[in-house]
N, C-alpha and C. Protein backbone atom coordinates (compact mmCIF):
# COMPACT_ATOMS: atom_id res chain seq x y z
N MET A 1 45.81 107.38 0.96
CA MET A 1 45.90 107.88 2.32
C MET A 1 46.09 106.69 3.24
N ALA A 2 47.10 106.72 4.09
CA ALA A 2 47.37 105.64 5.04
C ALA A 2 46.50 105.80 6.27
N ALA A 3 46.17 104.68 6.88
CA ALA A 3 45.36 104.71 8.10
C ALA A 3 46.25 104.48 9.32
N VAL A 4 45.97 105.22 10.36
CA VAL A 4 46.66 105.07 11.64
C VAL A 4 45.58 104.90 12.69
N ARG A 5 45.66 103.83 13.46
CA ARG A 5 44.65 103.59 14.50
C ARG A 5 45.25 103.95 15.85
N VAL A 6 44.56 104.83 16.56
CA VAL A 6 44.98 105.26 17.89
C VAL A 6 43.76 105.23 18.79
N GLU A 7 43.89 104.59 19.93
CA GLU A 7 42.78 104.58 20.89
C GLU A 7 43.16 105.44 22.08
N ARG A 8 42.23 106.24 22.53
CA ARG A 8 42.44 107.11 23.69
C ARG A 8 41.22 107.06 24.58
N ILE A 9 41.41 107.39 25.83
CA ILE A 9 40.32 107.55 26.78
C ILE A 9 40.11 109.04 26.96
N VAL A 10 38.87 109.49 26.85
CA VAL A 10 38.56 110.90 27.00
C VAL A 10 38.76 111.28 28.47
N GLU A 11 39.70 112.17 28.70
CA GLU A 11 40.01 112.62 30.06
C GLU A 11 39.20 113.85 30.45
N LYS A 12 38.82 114.66 29.46
CA LYS A 12 38.05 115.87 29.71
C LYS A 12 36.93 115.92 28.68
N ASP A 13 35.70 116.19 29.11
CA ASP A 13 34.56 116.20 28.20
C ASP A 13 34.85 117.03 26.95
N GLY A 14 34.58 116.43 25.79
CA GLY A 14 34.72 117.14 24.53
C GLY A 14 36.13 117.27 24.00
N GLU A 15 37.12 116.64 24.65
CA GLU A 15 38.51 116.76 24.19
C GLU A 15 39.17 115.40 24.07
N VAL A 16 39.87 115.22 22.96
CA VAL A 16 40.70 114.04 22.75
C VAL A 16 42.06 114.54 22.31
N VAL A 17 43.10 114.12 23.00
CA VAL A 17 44.47 114.56 22.67
C VAL A 17 45.21 113.41 22.01
N ILE A 18 45.74 113.69 20.82
CA ILE A 18 46.53 112.69 20.09
C ILE A 18 47.86 113.34 19.74
N LYS A 19 48.94 112.76 20.24
CA LYS A 19 50.28 113.30 19.97
C LYS A 19 51.16 112.20 19.39
N GLY A 20 52.28 112.61 18.84
CA GLY A 20 53.28 111.65 18.37
C GLY A 20 52.97 111.01 17.02
N LEU A 21 52.13 111.64 16.23
CA LEU A 21 51.80 111.10 14.91
C LEU A 21 52.91 111.44 13.92
N SER A 22 53.00 110.67 12.85
CA SER A 22 54.06 110.88 11.86
C SER A 22 53.71 111.93 10.81
N CYS A 23 52.57 112.61 10.93
CA CYS A 23 52.19 113.61 9.94
C CYS A 23 52.99 114.90 10.12
N LYS A 24 53.14 115.61 9.01
CA LYS A 24 53.94 116.84 8.98
C LYS A 24 53.04 118.07 8.85
N LYS A 25 53.58 119.19 9.26
CA LYS A 25 52.87 120.46 9.16
C LYS A 25 52.43 120.70 7.71
N GLY A 26 51.15 121.06 7.53
CA GLY A 26 50.60 121.33 6.21
C GLY A 26 50.02 120.10 5.53
N GLN A 27 50.27 118.92 6.07
CA GLN A 27 49.75 117.69 5.48
C GLN A 27 48.27 117.55 5.79
N HIS A 28 47.50 117.08 4.83
CA HIS A 28 46.06 116.88 5.02
C HIS A 28 45.82 115.59 5.80
N VAL A 29 45.00 115.65 6.83
CA VAL A 29 44.59 114.46 7.58
C VAL A 29 43.08 114.49 7.75
N GLU A 30 42.50 113.33 7.94
CA GLU A 30 41.08 113.22 8.20
C GLU A 30 40.95 112.42 9.50
N VAL A 31 40.14 112.91 10.42
CA VAL A 31 39.95 112.24 11.70
C VAL A 31 38.51 111.76 11.79
N VAL A 32 38.35 110.48 12.05
CA VAL A 32 37.03 109.88 12.24
C VAL A 32 37.03 109.25 13.62
N LEU A 33 36.06 109.61 14.44
CA LEU A 33 35.97 109.06 15.78
C LEU A 33 34.87 108.02 15.86
N PHE A 34 35.18 106.88 16.43
CA PHE A 34 34.20 105.85 16.74
C PHE A 34 34.09 105.83 18.26
N VAL A 35 32.96 106.28 18.77
CA VAL A 35 32.78 106.35 20.22
C VAL A 35 32.18 105.03 20.67
N GLY A 36 32.94 104.30 21.47
CA GLY A 36 32.50 102.98 21.93
C GLY A 36 31.85 103.05 23.30
N PRO A 37 31.36 101.91 23.75
CA PRO A 37 30.76 101.86 25.09
C PRO A 37 31.85 102.04 26.14
N GLU A 38 31.43 102.46 27.31
CA GLU A 38 32.41 102.61 28.39
C GLU A 38 32.99 101.26 28.72
N ARG A 39 34.30 101.24 28.90
CA ARG A 39 34.97 100.01 29.29
C ARG A 39 35.23 100.05 30.79
N LYS A 40 35.19 98.89 31.36
CA LYS A 40 35.50 98.79 32.77
C LYS A 40 36.99 99.06 32.96
N ARG A 41 37.31 99.95 33.87
CA ARG A 41 38.71 100.24 34.13
C ARG A 41 39.35 99.10 34.89
N HIS A 42 40.60 98.86 34.58
CA HIS A 42 41.34 97.81 35.26
C HIS A 42 41.78 98.31 36.63
N GLY A 43 41.94 97.41 37.54
CA GLY A 43 42.38 97.77 38.88
C GLY A 43 43.86 98.08 38.94
N THR A 44 44.28 98.46 40.10
CA THR A 44 45.70 98.76 40.32
C THR A 44 46.46 97.48 40.63
N ALA A 45 47.77 97.57 40.62
CA ALA A 45 48.60 96.41 40.98
C ALA A 45 48.31 95.99 42.41
N ARG A 46 48.10 96.93 43.30
CA ARG A 46 47.79 96.61 44.69
C ARG A 46 46.48 95.84 44.78
N GLN A 47 45.47 96.26 44.02
CA GLN A 47 44.19 95.56 44.04
C GLN A 47 44.35 94.13 43.50
N LEU A 48 45.19 93.96 42.50
CA LEU A 48 45.45 92.63 41.97
C LEU A 48 46.13 91.76 43.01
N LEU A 49 47.14 92.31 43.68
CA LEU A 49 47.82 91.54 44.72
C LEU A 49 46.89 91.18 45.86
N ASP A 50 45.99 92.08 46.22
CA ASP A 50 45.06 91.84 47.33
C ASP A 50 43.89 90.93 46.94
N SER A 51 43.72 90.68 45.64
CA SER A 51 42.55 89.92 45.18
C SER A 51 42.64 88.43 45.48
N GLY A 52 43.83 87.92 45.73
CA GLY A 52 43.99 86.50 45.97
C GLY A 52 44.31 85.72 44.71
N ILE A 53 44.25 86.36 43.54
CA ILE A 53 44.55 85.66 42.30
C ILE A 53 46.05 85.40 42.15
N VAL A 54 46.88 86.33 42.65
CA VAL A 54 48.33 86.15 42.59
C VAL A 54 48.70 85.09 43.62
N GLY A 55 49.38 84.05 43.18
CA GLY A 55 49.76 82.95 44.06
C GLY A 55 48.69 81.90 44.22
N LEU A 56 47.67 81.96 43.38
CA LEU A 56 46.54 81.04 43.47
C LEU A 56 46.97 79.58 43.39
N TRP A 57 47.99 79.27 42.60
CA TRP A 57 48.41 77.89 42.38
C TRP A 57 49.60 77.49 43.24
N LYS A 58 50.07 78.34 44.13
CA LYS A 58 51.33 78.07 44.84
C LYS A 58 51.33 76.78 45.66
N ASP A 59 50.21 76.37 46.20
CA ASP A 59 50.16 75.17 47.04
C ASP A 59 49.63 73.94 46.30
N ARG A 60 49.44 74.04 45.00
CA ARG A 60 48.91 72.92 44.24
C ARG A 60 50.04 71.92 43.96
N THR A 61 49.88 70.69 44.38
CA THR A 61 50.90 69.67 44.16
C THR A 61 50.83 69.07 42.76
N ASP A 62 49.69 69.25 42.08
CA ASP A 62 49.54 68.71 40.72
C ASP A 62 50.06 69.66 39.64
N ILE A 63 50.55 70.82 40.04
CA ILE A 63 51.12 71.79 39.09
C ILE A 63 52.55 72.07 39.55
N PRO A 64 53.52 71.32 39.03
CA PRO A 64 54.90 71.49 39.50
C PRO A 64 55.54 72.83 39.09
N ASP A 65 55.17 73.35 37.92
CA ASP A 65 55.76 74.60 37.44
C ASP A 65 54.63 75.50 36.94
N SER A 66 54.15 76.40 37.78
CA SER A 66 52.97 77.19 37.42
C SER A 66 53.18 78.13 36.22
N PRO A 67 54.38 78.74 36.02
CA PRO A 67 54.53 79.56 34.80
C PRO A 67 54.38 78.74 33.52
N ILE A 68 54.92 77.52 33.50
CA ILE A 68 54.78 76.67 32.31
C ILE A 68 53.32 76.26 32.15
N PHE A 69 52.66 75.92 33.25
CA PHE A 69 51.25 75.55 33.21
C PHE A 69 50.40 76.70 32.66
N ALA A 70 50.66 77.92 33.13
CA ALA A 70 49.91 79.09 32.67
C ALA A 70 50.16 79.34 31.19
N ARG A 71 51.40 79.19 30.75
CA ARG A 71 51.72 79.38 29.33
C ARG A 71 50.97 78.37 28.47
N GLU A 72 50.92 77.11 28.93
CA GLU A 72 50.19 76.09 28.19
C GLU A 72 48.69 76.41 28.11
N LEU A 73 48.13 76.92 29.20
CA LEU A 73 46.71 77.32 29.18
C LEU A 73 46.47 78.43 28.17
N ARG A 74 47.36 79.43 28.15
CA ARG A 74 47.23 80.54 27.18
C ARG A 74 47.34 80.03 25.75
N ASP A 75 48.32 79.12 25.51
CA ASP A 75 48.49 78.57 24.17
C ASP A 75 47.25 77.82 23.71
N ARG A 76 46.68 77.02 24.60
CA ARG A 76 45.46 76.27 24.26
C ARG A 76 44.31 77.23 23.96
N ALA A 77 44.18 78.29 24.74
CA ALA A 77 43.11 79.26 24.54
C ALA A 77 43.27 79.97 23.20
N GLN A 78 44.50 80.31 22.81
CA GLN A 78 44.73 80.98 21.54
C GLN A 78 44.43 80.06 20.36
N ARG A 79 44.76 78.79 20.48
CA ARG A 79 44.47 77.84 19.41
C ARG A 79 42.97 77.64 19.25
N ARG A 80 42.23 77.73 20.35
CA ARG A 80 40.78 77.56 20.31
C ARG A 80 40.11 78.67 19.51
N ARG A 81 40.66 79.89 19.60
CA ARG A 81 40.06 81.05 18.91
C ARG A 81 40.24 81.01 17.41
N SER A 82 41.33 80.37 16.94
CA SER A 82 41.60 80.41 15.50
C SER A 82 40.98 79.27 14.76
């Protein structure tokens, strides 16, 4: 039996909707739910823009190219985890 991992947020108490699976009518499936802790919802794009984080480095003279700088920070962080 192959495993398919799908994460959903419960929109209505007691209901989880899962669509678009590759299983066919009459095929046996087994569903196991792992109920996790509530996750903090992410803000909207407007909230992100209003937060001051966007453009944070725009006036920094020691960072000539902020997209390259950000990519290097992400790369260093990923190497640290492994």
